[in-house]
Amino acid sequence: MSETIGQALDQLFLTIASKRGEDVGKSYSATLLNAGPKKCAKKFGEEAVELAIAIAAENKIEIAEEAADLLFHFAAAIIASGVDANEVSRVLAKRRGIGGLEEKASRPK
């Protein structure tokens, strides 16, 4: 049985968070976390562009690989920013069942 995307993301967040303070010479995650939120944001943006290119090319294998890279860098950026991943989950749960246009209109201006 393969794991769900939720299980994979839970494990990803735990793994990356466990790398904080580790030797940057031995861990890419530690390198990103040590570099801080701005570096993580830059890498996240780069990966988002790579995923968009893969989607436009309709290459399913590349899409899956780039999506995994994007999720990795998303998790690193969230952790480096000091935001608890469970807070992201709470926001998603709060929005569930609300139409996208309705939710967007309800945001403070």
PDB file of N, CA and C in Angstrom:
ATOM      1  N   MET A   1       0.836  -1.172   0.000  1.00  0.00           N
ATOM      2  CA  MET A   1       0.000   0.000   0.000  1.00  0.00           C
ATOM      3  C   MET A   1       0.889   1.246   0.000  1.00  0.00           C
ATOM      4  N   SER A   2       0.630   2.140  -0.927  1.00  0.00           N
ATOM      5  CA  SER A   2       1.435   3.355  -0.977  1.00  0.00           C
ATOM      6  C   SER A   2       0.825   4.413  -0.062  1.00  0.00           C
ATOM      7  N   GLU A   3       1.659   5.349   0.335  1.00  0.00           N
ATOM      8  CA  GLU A   3       1.158   6.373   1.238  1.00  0.00           C
ATOM      9  C   GLU A   3       0.387   7.443   0.474  1.00  0.00           C
ATOM     10  N   THR A   4      -0.492   8.114   1.180  1.00  0.00           N
ATOM     11  CA  THR A   4      -1.280   9.187   0.581  1.00  0.00           C
ATOM     12  C   THR A   4      -0.431  10.456   0.509  1.00  0.00           C
ATOM     13  N   ILE A   5      -0.901  11.434  -0.253  1.00  0.00           N
ATOM     14  CA  ILE A   5      -0.187  12.707  -0.329  1.00  0.00           C
ATOM     15  C   ILE A   5      -0.115  13.353   1.057  1.00  0.00           C
ATOM     16  N   GLY A   6      -1.174  13.198   1.841  1.00  0.00           N
ATOM     17  CA  GLY A   6      -1.166  13.753   3.196  1.00  0.00           C
ATOM     18  C   GLY A   6      -0.098  13.116   4.070  1.00  0.00           C
ATOM     19  N   GLN A   7       0.008  11.796   3.993  1.00  0.00           N
ATOM     20  CA  GLN A   7       1.035  11.095   4.772  1.00  0.00           C
ATOM     21  C   GLN A   7       2.431  11.505   4.310  1.00  0.00           C
ATOM     22  N   ALA A   8       2.595  11.617   2.998  1.00  0.00           N
ATOM     23  CA  ALA A   8       3.896  12.010   2.451  1.00  0.00           C
ATOM     24  C   ALA A   8       4.275  13.417   2.912  1.00  0.00           C
ATOM     25  N   LEU A   9       3.300  14.331   2.910  1.00  0.00           N
ATOM     26  CA  LEU A   9       3.577  15.700   3.356  1.00  0.00           C
ATOM     27  C   LEU A   9       3.880  15.749   4.849  1.00  0.00           C
ATOM     28  N   ASP A  10       3.140  14.987   5.645  1.00  0.00           N
ATOM     29  CA  ASP A  10       3.429  14.922   7.085  1.00  0.00           C
ATOM     30  C   ASP A  10       4.870  14.481   7.312  1.00  0.00           C
ATOM     31  N   GLN A  11       5.276  13.421   6.625  1.00  0.00           N
ATOM     32  CA  GLN A  11       6.631  12.898   6.782  1.00  0.00           C
ATOM     33  C   GLN A  11       7.665  13.896   6.276  1.00  0.00           C
ATOM     34  N   LEU A  12       7.360  14.556   5.164  1.00  0.00           N
ATOM     35  CA  LEU A  12       8.271  15.553   4.606  1.00  0.00           C
ATOM     36  C   LEU A  12       8.507  16.687   5.598  1.00  0.00           C
ATOM     37  N   PHE A  13       7.440  17.218   6.173  1.00  0.00           N
ATOM     38  CA  PHE A  13       7.584  18.297   7.155  1.00  0.00           C
ATOM     39  C   PHE A  13       8.405  17.837   8.356  1.00  0.00           C
ATOM     40  N   LEU A  14       8.139  16.634   8.858  1.00  0.00           N
ATOM     41  CA  LEU A  14       8.897  16.116  10.007  1.00  0.00           C
ATOM     42  C   LEU A  14      10.375  15.960   9.672  1.00  0.00           C
ATOM     43  N   THR A  15      10.651  15.416   8.492  1.00  0.00           N
ATOM     44  CA  THR A  15      12.039  15.183   8.085  1.00  0.00           C
ATOM     45  C   THR A  15      12.795  16.493   7.938  1.00  0.00           C
ATOM     46  N   ILE A  16      12.194  17.451   7.232  1.00  0.00           N
ATOM     47  CA  ILE A  16      12.877  18.734   7.035  1.00  0.00           C
ATOM     48  C   ILE A  16      13.083  19.438   8.371  1.00  0.00           C
ATOM     49  N   ALA A  17      12.060  19.479   9.206  1.00  0.00           N
ATOM     50  CA  ALA A  17      12.181  20.143  10.512  1.00  0.00           C
ATOM     51  C   ALA A  17      13.281  19.510  11.365  1.00  0.00           C
ATOM     52  N   SER A  18      13.468  18.204  11.232  1.00  0.00           N
ATOM     53  CA  SER A  18      14.488  17.512  12.024  1.00  0.00           C
ATOM     54  C   SER A  18      15.903  17.883  11.591  1.00  0.00           C
ATOM     55  N   LYS A  19      16.037  18.503  10.438  1.00  0.00           N
ATOM     56  CA  LYS A  19      17.363  18.855   9.916  1.00  0.00           C
ATOM     57  C   LYS A  19      17.855  20.213  10.411  1.00  0.00           C
ATOM     58  N   ARG A  20      16.968  20.973  11.055  1.00  0.00           N
ATOM     59  CA  ARG A  20      17.366  22.297  11.566  1.00  0.00           C
ATOM     60  C   ARG A  20      18.554  22.129  12.512  1.00  0.00           C
ATOM     61  N   GLY A  21      19.595  22.896  12.260  1.00  0.00           N
ATOM     62  CA  GLY A  21      20.775  22.852  13.111  1.00  0.00           C
ATOM     63  C   GLY A  21      21.775  21.770  12.753  1.00  0.00           C
ATOM     64  N   GLU A  22      21.449  20.909  11.797  1.00  0.00           N
ATOM     65  CA  GLU A  22      22.400  19.868  11.392  1.00  0.00           C
ATOM     66  C   GLU A  22      23.491  20.463  10.505  1.00  0.00           C
ATOM     67  N   ASP A  23      24.494  19.674  10.238  1.00  0.00           N
ATOM     68  CA  ASP A  23      25.630  20.075   9.414  1.00  0.00           C
ATOM     69  C   ASP A  23      25.162  20.391   7.996  1.00  0.00           C
ATOM     70  N   VAL A  24      25.379  21.648   7.583  1.00  0.00           N
ATOM     71  CA  VAL A  24      24.937  22.053   6.246  1.00  0.00           C
ATOM     72  C   VAL A  24      25.735  21.362   5.145  1.00  0.00           C
ATOM     73  N   GLY A  25      26.881  20.820   5.486  1.00  0.00           N
ATOM     74  CA  GLY A  25      27.675  20.078   4.513  1.00  0.00           C
ATOM     75  C   GLY A  25      27.124  18.694   4.234  1.00  0.00           C
ATOM     76  N   LYS A  26      26.196  18.248   5.074  1.00  0.00           N
ATOM     77  CA  LYS A  26      25.653  16.897   4.927  1.00  0.00           C
ATOM     78  C   LYS A  26      24.165  16.864   4.619  1.00  0.00           C
ATOM     79  N   SER A  27      23.499  18.019   4.660  1.00  0.00           N
ATOM     80  CA  SER A  27      22.048  18.026   4.491  1.00  0.00           C
ATOM     81  C   SER A  27      21.599  19.250   3.697  1.00  0.00           C
ATOM     82  N   TYR A  28      20.953  18.994   2.554  1.00  0.00           N
ATOM     83  CA  TYR A  28      20.402  20.089   1.755  1.00  0.00           C
ATOM     84  C   TYR A  28      19.303  20.805   2.535  1.00  0.00           C
ATOM     85  N   SER A  29      18.505  20.046   3.272  1.00  0.00           N
ATOM     86  CA  SER A  29      17.452  20.658   4.087  1.00  0.00           C
ATOM     87  C   SER A  29      18.054  21.609   5.114  1.00  0.00           C
ATOM     88  N   ALA A  30      19.114  21.182   5.776  1.00  0.00           N
ATOM     89  CA  ALA A  30      19.786  22.034   6.759  1.00  0.00           C
ATOM     90  C   ALA A  30      20.347  23.282   6.089  1.00  0.00           C
ATOM     91  N   THR A  31      20.879  23.127   4.886  1.00  0.00           N
ATOM     92  CA  THR A  31      21.405  24.268   4.135  1.00  0.00           C
ATOM     93  C   THR A  31      20.310  25.287   3.863  1.00  0.00           C
ATOM     94  N   LEU A  32      19.155  24.811   3.404  1.00  0.00           N
ATOM     95  CA  LEU A  32      18.034  25.716   3.126  1.00  0.00           C
ATOM     96  C   LEU A  32      17.556  26.414   4.395  1.00  0.00           C
ATOM     97  N   LEU A  33      17.337  25.644   5.450  1.00  0.00           N
ATOM     98  CA  LEU A  33      16.846  26.229   6.699  1.00  0.00           C
ATOM     99  C   LEU A  33      17.841  27.243   7.256  1.00  0.00           C
ATOM    100  N   ASN A  34      19.115  26.929   7.153  1.00  0.00           N
ATOM    101  CA  ASN A  34      20.153  27.831   7.636  1.00  0.00           C
ATOM    102  C   ASN A  34      20.196  29.126   6.816  1.00  0.00           C
ATOM    103  N   ALA A  35      19.882  29.029   5.524  1.00  0.00           N
ATOM    104  CA  ALA A  35      19.906  30.203   4.642  1.00  0.00           C
ATOM    105  C   ALA A  35      18.741  31.150   4.913  1.00  0.00           C
ATOM    106  N   GLY A  36      17.674  30.631   5.492  1.00  0.00           N
ATOM    107  CA  GLY A  36      16.556  31.475   5.885  1.00  0.00           C
ATOM    108  C   GLY A  36      15.419  31.549   4.889  1.00  0.00           C
ATOM    109  N   PRO A  37      14.359  32.245   5.284  1.00  0.00           N
ATOM    110  CA  PRO A  37      13.138  32.299   4.479  1.00  0.00           C
ATOM    111  C   PRO A  37      13.317  32.893   3.081  1.00  0.00           C
ATOM    112  N   LYS A  38      14.159  33.912   2.944  1.00  0.00           N
ATOM    113  CA  LYS A  38      14.317  34.535   1.620  1.00  0.00           C
ATOM    114  C   LYS A  38      14.904  33.559   0.610  1.00  0.00           C
ATOM    115  N   LYS A  39      15.911  32.804   1.016  1.00  0.00           N
ATOM    116  CA  LYS A  39      16.510  31.807   0.120  1.00  0.00           C
ATOM    117  C   LYS A  39      15.489  30.714  -0.189  1.00  0.00           C
ATOM    118  N   CYS A  40      14.749  30.293   0.823  1.00  0.00           N
ATOM    119  CA  CYS A  40      13.720  29.272   0.612  1.00  0.00           C
ATOM    120  C   CYS A  40      12.649  29.776  -0.349  1.00  0.00           C
ATOM    121  N   ALA A  41      12.274  31.040  -0.221  1.00  0.00           N
ATOM    122  CA  ALA A  41      11.272  31.621  -1.120  1.00  0.00           C
ATOM    123  C   ALA A  41      11.786  31.653  -2.554  1.00  0.00           C
ATOM    124  N   LYS A  42      13.049  31.995  -2.725  1.00  0.00           N
ATOM    125  CA  LYS A  42      13.654  32.020  -4.065  1.00  0.00           C
ATOM    126  C   LYS A  42      13.624  30.627  -4.688  1.00  0.00           C
ATOM    127  N   LYS A  43      14.029  29.628  -3.923  1.00  0.00           N
ATOM    128  CA  LYS A  43      14.034  28.250  -4.437  1.00  0.00           C
ATOM    129  C   LYS A  43      12.614  27.779  -4.738  1.00  0.00           C
ATOM    130  N   PHE A  44      11.658  28.147  -3.884  1.00  0.00           N
ATOM    131  CA  PHE A  44      10.261  27.783  -4.110  1.00  0.00           C
ATOM    132  C   PHE A  44       9.788  28.375  -5.433  1.00  0.00           C
ATOM    133  N   GLY A  45      10.111  29.626  -5.680  1.00  0.00           N
ATOM    134  CA  GLY A  45       9.725  30.271  -6.937  1.00  0.00           C
ATOM    135  C   GLY A  45      10.335  29.590  -8.146  1.00  0.00           C
ATOM    136  N   GLU A  46      11.601  29.227  -8.047  1.00  0.00           N
ATOM    137  CA  GLU A  46      12.269  28.528  -9.151  1.00  0.00           C
ATOM    138  C   GLU A  46      11.576  27.199  -9.441  1.00  0.00           C
ATOM    139  N   GLU A  47      11.253  26.474  -8.386  1.00  0.00           N
ATOM    140  CA  GLU A  47      10.594  25.178  -8.573  1.00  0.00           C
ATOM    141  C   GLU A  47       9.187  25.345  -9.137  1.00  0.00           C
ATOM    142  N   ALA A  48       8.496  26.417  -8.750  1.00  0.00           N
ATOM    143  CA  ALA A  48       7.152  26.673  -9.289  1.00  0.00           C
ATOM    144  C   ALA A  48       7.216  26.893 -10.796  1.00  0.00           C
ATOM    145  N   VAL A  49       8.225  27.638 -11.245  1.00  0.00           N
ATOM    146  CA  VAL A  49       8.396  27.867 -12.686  1.00  0.00           C
ATOM    147  C   VAL A  49       8.696  26.546 -13.393  1.00  0.00           C
ATOM    148  N   GLU A  50       9.565  25.727 -12.808  1.00  0.00           N
ATOM    149  CA  GLU A  50       9.892  24.438 -13.419  1.00  0.00           C
ATOM    150  C   GLU A  50       8.657  23.545 -13.519  1.00  0.00           C
ATOM    151  N   LEU A  51       7.804  23.573 -12.500  1.00  0.00           N
ATOM    152  CA  LEU A  51       6.566  22.789 -12.550  1.00  0.00           C
ATOM    153  C   LEU A  51       5.640  23.333 -13.633  1.00  0.00           C
ATOM    154  N   ALA A  52       5.523  24.640 -13.729  1.00  0.00           N
ATOM    155  CA  ALA A  52       4.665  25.242 -14.751  1.00  0.00           C
ATOM    156  C   ALA A  52       5.127  24.849 -16.153  1.00  0.00           C
ATOM    157  N   ILE A  53       6.424  24.826 -16.366  1.00  0.00           N
ATOM    158  CA  ILE A  53       6.971  24.428 -17.668  1.00  0.00           C
ATOM    159  C   ILE A  53       6.634  22.969 -17.950  1.00  0.00           C
ATOM    160  N   ALA A  54       6.784  22.107 -16.954  1.00  0.00           N
ATOM    161  CA  ALA A  54       6.460  20.683 -17.127  1.00  0.00           C
ATOM    162  C   ALA A  54       4.978  20.498 -17.432  1.00  0.00           C
ATOM    163  N   ILE A  55       4.122  21.257 -16.756  1.00  0.00           N
ATOM    164  CA  ILE A  55       2.680  21.163 -17.005  1.00  0.00           C
ATOM    165  C   ILE A  55       2.367  21.605 -18.425  1.00  0.00           C
ATOM    166  N   ALA A  56       2.962  22.714 -18.848  1.00  0.00           N
ATOM    167  CA  ALA A  56       2.727  23.214 -20.207  1.00  0.00           C
ATOM    168  C   ALA A  56       3.198  22.211 -21.256  1.00  0.00           C
ATOM    169  N   ALA A  57       4.271  21.478 -20.938  1.00  0.00           N
ATOM    170  CA  ALA A  57       4.803  20.468 -21.860  1.00  0.00           C
ATOM    171  C   ALA A  57       4.010  19.166 -21.809  1.00  0.00           C
ATOM    172  N   GLU A  58       3.092  19.065 -20.847  1.00  0.00           N
ATOM    173  CA  GLU A  58       2.249  17.883 -20.671  1.00  0.00           C
ATOM    174  C   GLU A  58       3.060  16.598 -20.490  1.00  0.00           C
ATOM    175  N   ASN A  59       4.181  16.728 -19.763  1.00  0.00           N
ATOM    176  CA  ASN A  59       5.044  15.586 -19.483  1.00  0.00           C
ATOM    177  C   ASN A  59       4.722  15.086 -18.073  1.00  0.00           C
ATOM    178  N   LYS A  60       3.937  14.015 -17.986  1.00  0.00           N
ATOM    179  CA  LYS A  60       3.430  13.553 -16.689  1.00  0.00           C
ATOM    180  C   LYS A  60       4.525  13.132 -15.718  1.00  0.00           C
ATOM    181  N   ILE A  61       5.565  12.503 -16.214  1.00  0.00           N
ATOM    182  CA  ILE A  61       6.659  12.092 -15.328  1.00  0.00           C
ATOM    183  C   ILE A  61       7.351  13.324 -14.759  1.00  0.00           C
ATOM    184  N   GLU A  62       7.651  14.281 -15.630  1.00  0.00           N
ATOM    185  CA  GLU A  62       8.290  15.514 -15.178  1.00  0.00           C
ATOM    186  C   GLU A  62       7.379  16.308 -14.244  1.00  0.00           C
ATOM    187  N   ILE A  63       6.087  16.304 -14.533  1.00  0.00           N
ATOM    188  CA  ILE A  63       5.137  17.009 -13.664  1.00  0.00           C
ATOM    189  C   ILE A  63       5.208  16.444 -12.248  1.00  0.00           C
ATOM    190  N   ALA A  64       5.176  15.123 -12.127  1.00  0.00           N
ATOM    191  CA  ALA A  64       5.237  14.497 -10.800  1.00  0.00           C
ATOM    192  C   ALA A  64       6.552  14.826 -10.097  1.00  0.00           C
ATOM    193  N   GLU A  65       7.660  14.778 -10.833  1.00  0.00           N
ATOM    194  CA  GLU A  65       8.960  15.065 -10.231  1.00  0.00           C
ATOM    195  C   GLU A  65       9.068  16.525  -9.801  1.00  0.00           C
ATOM    196  N   GLU A  66       8.626  17.431 -10.660  1.00  0.00           N
ATOM    197  CA  GLU A  66       8.695  18.856 -10.324  1.00  0.00           C
ATOM    198  C   GLU A  66       7.712  19.210  -9.210  1.00  0.00           C
ATOM    199  N   ALA A  67       6.557  18.545  -9.192  1.00  0.00           N
ATOM    200  CA  ALA A  67       5.596  18.768  -8.104  1.00  0.00           C
ATOM    201  C   ALA A  67       6.216  18.343  -6.774  1.00  0.00           C
ATOM    202  N   ALA A  68       6.926  17.221  -6.778  1.00  0.00           N
ATOM    203  CA  ALA A  68       7.604  16.769  -5.557  1.00  0.00           C
ATOM    204  C   ALA A  68       8.657  17.785  -5.119  1.00  0.00           C
ATOM    205  N   ASP A  69       9.421  18.314  -6.084  1.00  0.00           N
ATOM    206  CA  ASP A  69      10.416  19.339  -5.759  1.00  0.00           C
ATOM    207  C   ASP A  69       9.746  20.579  -5.171  1.00  0.00           C
ATOM    208  N   LEU A  70       8.622  20.980  -5.777  1.00  0.00           N
ATOM    209  CA  LEU A  70       7.908  22.163  -5.295  1.00  0.00           C
ATOM    210  C   LEU A  70       7.392  21.951  -3.870  1.00  0.00           C
ATOM    211  N   LEU A  71       6.824  20.781  -3.609  1.00  0.00           N
ATOM    212  CA  LEU A  71       6.319  20.495  -2.263  1.00  0.00           C
ATOM    213  C   LEU A  71       7.452  20.472  -1.237  1.00  0.00           C
ATOM    214  N   PHE A  72       8.598  19.936  -1.630  1.00  0.00           N
ATOM    215  CA  PHE A  72       9.764  19.939  -0.740  1.00  0.00           C
ATOM    216  C   PHE A  72      10.142  21.376  -0.379  1.00  0.00           C
ATOM    217  N   HIS A  73      10.260  22.222  -1.401  1.00  0.00           N
ATOM    218  CA  HIS A  73      10.674  23.601  -1.158  1.00  0.00           C
ATOM    219  C   HIS A  73       9.584  24.413  -0.459  1.00  0.00           C
ATOM    220  N   PHE A  74       8.318  24.058  -0.695  1.00  0.00           N
ATOM    221  CA  PHE A  74       7.206  24.662   0.047  1.00  0.00           C
ATOM    222  C   PHE A  74       7.370  24.353   1.534  1.00  0.00           C
ATOM    223  N   ALA A  75       7.598  23.091   1.862  1.00  0.00           N
ATOM    224  CA  ALA A  75       7.751  22.691   3.265  1.00  0.00           C
ATOM    225  C   ALA A  75       8.941  23.395   3.899  1.00  0.00           C
ATOM    226  N   ALA A  76      10.060  23.452   3.187  1.00  0.00           N
ATOM    227  CA  ALA A  76      11.245  24.125   3.724  1.00  0.00           C
ATOM    228  C   ALA A  76      10.963  25.605   3.976  1.00  0.00           C
ATOM    229  N   ALA A  77      10.256  26.249   3.056  1.00  0.00           N
ATOM    230  CA  ALA A  77       9.948  27.675   3.207  1.00  0.00           C
ATOM    231  C   ALA A  77       9.022  27.922   4.392  1.00  0.00           C
ATOM    232  N   ILE A  78       8.022  27.061   4.550  1.00  0.00           N
ATOM    233  CA  ILE A  78       7.098  27.202   5.678  1.00  0.00           C
ATOM    234  C   ILE A  78       7.857  27.043   6.998  1.00  0.00           C
ATOM    235  N   ILE A  79       8.694  26.030   7.073  1.00  0.00           N
ATOM    236  CA  ILE A  79       9.465  25.772   8.292  1.00  0.00           C
ATOM    237  C   ILE A  79      10.443  26.912   8.556  1.00  0.00           C
ATOM    238  N   ALA A  80      11.162  27.348   7.526  1.00  0.00           N
ATOM    239  CA  ALA A  80      12.134  28.433   7.694  1.00  0.00           C
ATOM    240  C   ALA A  80      11.461  29.729   8.134  1.00  0.00           C
ATOM    241  N   SER A  81      10.199  29.903   7.743  1.00  0.00           N
ATOM    242  CA  SER A  81       9.447  31.110   8.106  1.00  0.00           C
ATOM    243  C   SER A  81       8.890  31.052   9.521  1.00  0.00           C
ATOM    244  N   GLY A  82       8.994  29.890  10.151  1.00  0.00           N
ATOM    245  CA  GLY A  82       8.498  29.739  11.514  1.00  0.00           C
ATOM    246  C   GLY A  82       7.002  29.529  11.609  1.00  0.00           C
ATOM    247  N   VAL A  83       6.384  29.159  10.495  1.00  0.00           N
ATOM    248  CA  VAL A  83       4.946  28.892  10.478  1.00  0.00           C
ATOM    249  C   VAL A  83       4.736  27.403  10.714  1.00  0.00           C
ATOM    250  N   ASP A  84       3.846  27.071  11.627  1.00  0.00           N
ATOM    251  CA  ASP A  84       3.516  25.676  11.906  1.00  0.00           C
ATOM    252  C   ASP A  84       2.677  25.129  10.751  1.00  0.00           C
ATOM    253  N   ALA A  85       3.072  23.999  10.221  1.00  0.00           N
ATOM    254  CA  ALA A  85       2.332  23.385   9.114  1.00  0.00           C
ATOM    255  C   ALA A  85       0.877  23.134   9.487  1.00  0.00           C
ATOM    256  N   ASN A  86       0.618  22.905  10.762  1.00  0.00           N
ATOM    257  CA  ASN A  86      -0.766  22.689  11.196  1.00  0.00           C
ATOM    258  C   ASN A  86      -1.617  23.945  11.033  1.00  0.00           C
ATOM    259  N   GLU A  87      -0.976  25.113  11.049  1.00  0.00           N
ATOM    260  CA  GLU A  87      -1.711  26.356  10.805  1.00  0.00           C
ATOM    261  C   GLU A  87      -2.189  26.398   9.353  1.00  0.00           C
ATOM    262  N   VAL A  88      -1.359  25.929   8.444  1.00  0.00           N
ATOM    263  CA  VAL A  88      -1.760  25.841   7.034  1.00  0.00           C
ATOM    264  C   VAL A  88      -2.941  24.879   6.910  1.00  0.00           C
ATOM    265  N   SER A  89      -2.870  23.760   7.612  1.00  0.00           N
ATOM    266  CA  SER A  89      -3.975  22.790   7.604  1.00  0.00           C
ATOM    267  C   SER A  89      -5.258  23.407   8.137  1.00  0.00           C
ATOM    268  N   ARG A  90      -5.136  24.202   9.207  1.00  0.00           N
ATOM    269  CA  ARG A  90      -6.325  24.853   9.776  1.00  0.00           C
ATOM    270  C   ARG A  90      -6.964  25.818   8.776  1.00  0.00           C
ATOM    271  N   VAL A  91      -6.147  26.569   8.056  1.00  0.00           N
ATOM    272  CA  VAL A  91      -6.679  27.498   7.049  1.00  0.00           C
ATOM    273  C   VAL A  91      -7.391  26.722   5.946  1.00  0.00           C
ATOM    274  N   LEU A  92      -6.771  25.642   5.487  1.00  0.00           N
ATOM    275  CA  LEU A  92      -7.407  24.824   4.445  1.00  0.00           C
ATOM    276  C   LEU A  92      -8.731  24.245   4.927  1.00  0.00           C
ATOM    277  N   ALA A  93      -8.754  23.749   6.163  1.00  0.00           N
ATOM    278  CA  ALA A  93      -9.990  23.176   6.712  1.00  0.00           C
ATOM    279  C   ALA A  93     -11.079  24.237   6.817  1.00  0.00           C
ATOM    280  N   LYS A  94     -10.697  25.435   7.218  1.00  0.00           N
ATOM    281  CA  LYS A  94     -11.652  26.533   7.345  1.00  0.00           C
ATOM    282  C   LYS A  94     -12.259  26.891   5.985  1.00  0.00           C
ATOM    283  N   ARG A  95     -11.462  26.791   4.938  1.00  0.00           N
ATOM    284  CA  ARG A  95     -11.924  27.146   3.593  1.00  0.00           C
ATOM    285  C   ARG A  95     -12.719  26.031   2.919  1.00  0.00           C
ATOM    286  N   ARG A  96     -12.598  24.820   3.423  1.00  0.00           N
ATOM    287  CA  ARG A  96     -13.272  23.680   2.802  1.00  0.00           C
ATOM    288  C   ARG A  96     -14.772  23.915   2.764  1.00  0.00           C
ATOM    289  N   GLY A  97     -15.361  23.689   1.613  1.00  0.00           N
ATOM    290  CA  GLY A  97     -16.801  23.840   1.469  1.00  0.00           C
ATOM    291  C   GLY A  97     -17.246  25.247   1.108  1.00  0.00           C
ATOM    292  N   ILE A  98     -16.283  26.161   1.050  1.00  0.00           N
ATOM    293  CA  ILE A  98     -16.599  27.530   0.649  1.00  0.00           C
ATOM    294  C   ILE A  98     -16.095  27.711  -0.775  1.00  0.00           C
ATOM    295  N   GLY A  99     -16.924  28.249  -1.629  1.00  0.00           N
ATOM    296  CA  GLY A  99     -16.502  28.495  -3.005  1.00  0.00           C
ATOM    297  C   GLY A  99     -15.319  29.450  -3.046  1.00  0.00           C
ATOM    298  N   GLY A 100     -14.432  29.259  -4.016  1.00  0.00           N
ATOM    299  CA  GLY A 100     -13.228  30.071  -4.131  1.00  0.00           C
ATOM    300  C   GLY A 100     -13.505  31.556  -4.263  1.00  0.00           C
ATOM    301  N   LEU A 101     -14.490  31.916  -5.061  1.00  0.00           N
ATOM    302  CA  LEU A 101     -14.814  33.334  -5.235  1.00  0.00           C
ATOM    303  C   LEU A 101     -15.380  33.923  -3.948  1.00  0.00           C
ATOM    304  N   GLU A 102     -16.218  33.139  -3.269  1.00  0.00           N
ATOM    305  CA  GLU A 102     -16.794  33.586  -1.994  1.00  0.00           C
ATOM    306  C   GLU A 102     -15.696  33.774  -0.944  1.00  0.00           C
ATOM    307  N   GLU A 103     -14.782  32.811  -0.865  1.00  0.00           N
ATOM    308  CA  GLU A 103     -13.694  32.889   0.110  1.00  0.00           C
ATOM    309  C   GLU A 103     -12.820  34.107  -0.174  1.00  0.00           C
ATOM    310  N   LYS A 104     -12.483  34.319  -1.434  1.00  0.00           N
ATOM    311  CA  LYS A 104     -11.629  35.451  -1.800  1.00  0.00           C
ATOM    312  C   LYS A 104     -12.306  36.774  -1.447  1.00  0.00           C
ATOM    313  N   ALA A 105     -13.608  36.879  -1.697  1.00  0.00           N
ATOM    314  CA  ALA A 105     -14.351  38.103  -1.397  1.00  0.00           C
ATOM    315  C   ALA A 105     -14.413  38.379   0.106  1.00  0.00           C
ATOM    316  N   SER A 106     -14.313  37.327   0.929  1.00  0.00           N
ATOM    317  CA  SER A 106     -14.416  37.503   2.381  1.00  0.00           C
ATOM    318  C   SER A 106     -13.104  37.944   3.027  1.00  0.00           C
ATOM    319  N   ARG A 107     -12.013  37.932   2.272  1.00  0.00           N
ATOM    320  CA  ARG A 107     -10.720  38.331   2.830  1.00  0.00           C
ATOM    321  C   ARG A 107     -10.694  39.832   3.100  1.00  0.00           C
ATOM    322  N   PRO A 108      -9.998  40.236   4.167  1.00  0.00           N
ATOM    323  CA  PRO A 108      -9.879  41.677   4.446  1.00  0.00           C
ATOM    324  C   PRO A 108      -9.174  42.384   3.294  1.00  0.00           C
ATOM    325  N   LYS A 109      -9.638  43.551   3.002  1.00  0.00           N
ATOM    326  CA  LYS A 109      -9.054  44.309   1.888  1.00  0.00           C
ATOM    327  C   LYS A 109      -7.992  45.245   2.373  1.00  0.00           C
TER     328      LYS A 109
END
